[in-house]
């Protein structure tokens, strides 16, 4: 799913988080270059990416809420998901 450079903000991030909690088919998401702040990024990480183990690629660069710490959290979530997929033999 590519949603880069669309001026999407925290309200969109909340909606995306709700959708990702239930969607197990999306594997990669690109929301880079939007206007998602710290609240929106944290919501996605805590409420969706920690629960959804099907996502293995998530690009959130160039958003105001993305810091080095956030990038590390995203990378750890993706590594965790990749390991879960490997354990299942997929």
Protein backbone atom coordinates (compact mmCIF):
# COMPACT_ATOMS: atom_id res chain seq x y z
CA UNK A 1 0.00 0.00 0.00
CA UNK A 2 1.60 3.25 -1.12
CA UNK A 3 0.22 6.44 0.45
CA UNK A 4 3.28 8.68 0.29
CA UNK A 5 3.19 12.44 -0.20
CA UNK A 6 -0.54 12.92 0.37
CA UNK A 7 -0.50 15.43 3.25
CA UNK A 8 -2.13 12.83 5.52
CA UNK A 9 -2.14 13.65 9.22
CA UNK A 10 -2.86 12.20 12.64
CA UNK A 11 -6.57 11.71 11.93
CA UNK A 12 -5.66 9.49 8.99
CA UNK A 13 -3.13 7.62 11.15
CA UNK A 14 -5.88 6.77 13.63
CA UNK A 15 -8.06 5.40 10.82
CA UNK A 16 -5.13 3.45 9.38
CA UNK A 17 -4.39 1.99 12.80
CA UNK A 18 -7.96 0.74 13.12
CA UNK A 19 -7.84 -0.87 9.68
CA UNK A 20 -4.46 -2.52 10.28
CA UNK A 21 -5.61 -4.18 13.47
CA UNK A 22 -7.91 -6.41 11.42
CA UNK A 23 -6.18 -6.67 8.03
CA UNK A 24 -3.82 -9.62 7.76
CA UNK A 25 -3.23 -9.34 3.99
CA UNK A 26 -1.25 -6.11 3.74
CA UNK A 27 2.47 -6.82 3.84
CA UNK A 28 4.06 -3.43 3.06
CA UNK A 29 2.98 0.15 3.76
CA UNK A 30 4.57 3.40 2.60
CA UNK A 31 3.27 6.52 4.35
CA UNK A 32 6.45 8.55 3.87
CA UNK A 33 6.34 12.27 3.20
CA UNK A 34 3.02 13.01 4.87
CA UNK A 35 2.16 15.22 7.85
CA UNK A 36 1.75 12.56 10.52
CA UNK A 37 2.89 13.80 13.90
CA UNK A 38 4.22 11.99 16.96
CA UNK A 39 0.73 11.09 18.18
CA UNK A 40 -0.26 9.47 14.88
CA UNK A 41 2.97 7.52 14.49
CA UNK A 42 2.84 6.26 18.09
CA UNK A 43 -0.78 5.22 17.62
CA UNK A 44 0.11 3.18 14.56
CA UNK A 45 3.06 1.51 16.29
CA UNK A 46 1.36 0.71 19.59
CA UNK A 47 -2.11 -0.13 18.38
CA UNK A 48 -1.50 -1.74 14.99
CA UNK A 49 2.06 -2.85 14.31
CA UNK A 50 2.47 -4.53 17.68
CA UNK A 51 -0.70 -6.53 17.02
CA UNK A 52 -0.49 -7.17 13.27
CA UNK A 53 2.27 -9.66 12.49
CA UNK A 54 1.65 -9.74 8.72
CA UNK A 55 3.30 -6.37 7.98
CA UNK A 56 7.00 -6.79 7.14
CA UNK A 57 7.77 -3.39 5.58
CA UNK A 58 6.66 -0.01 6.92
CA UNK A 59 8.11 3.26 5.62
CA UNK A 60 7.19 6.35 7.64
CA UNK A 61 10.19 8.55 6.80
CA UNK A 62 9.77 12.28 6.22
CA UNK A 63 6.86 12.69 8.64
CA UNK A 64 7.15 15.27 11.45
CA UNK A 65 6.53 12.61 14.11
CA UNK A 66 9.31 10.29 13.01
CA UNK A 67 12.47 10.43 15.09
CA UNK A 68 15.42 8.06 15.37
CA UNK A 69 13.68 6.37 18.29
CA UNK A 70 10.54 5.86 16.20
CA UNK A 71 12.59 4.45 13.33
CA UNK A 72 14.17 1.95 15.73
CA UNK A 73 10.75 0.94 17.06
CA UNK A 74 9.47 0.43 13.52
CA UNK A 75 12.51 -1.65 12.61
CA UNK A 76 12.06 -3.82 15.71
CA UNK A 77 8.39 -4.39 14.89
CA UNK A 78 9.29 -5.42 11.34
CA UNK A 79 12.05 -7.77 12.56
CA UNK A 80 9.63 -9.35 15.03
CA UNK A 81 7.09 -9.89 12.27
CA UNK A 82 9.67 -11.37 9.92
CA UNK A 83 10.77 -13.79 12.65
CA UNK A 84 7.16 -14.85 13.26
CA UNK A 85 6.72 -15.53 9.55
CA UNK A 86 9.94 -17.57 9.48
CA UNK A 87 8.75 -19.61 12.47
CA UNK A 88 5.57 -20.47 10.59
CA UNK A 89 7.66 -21.65 7.67
CA UNK A 90 6.28 -19.12 5.19
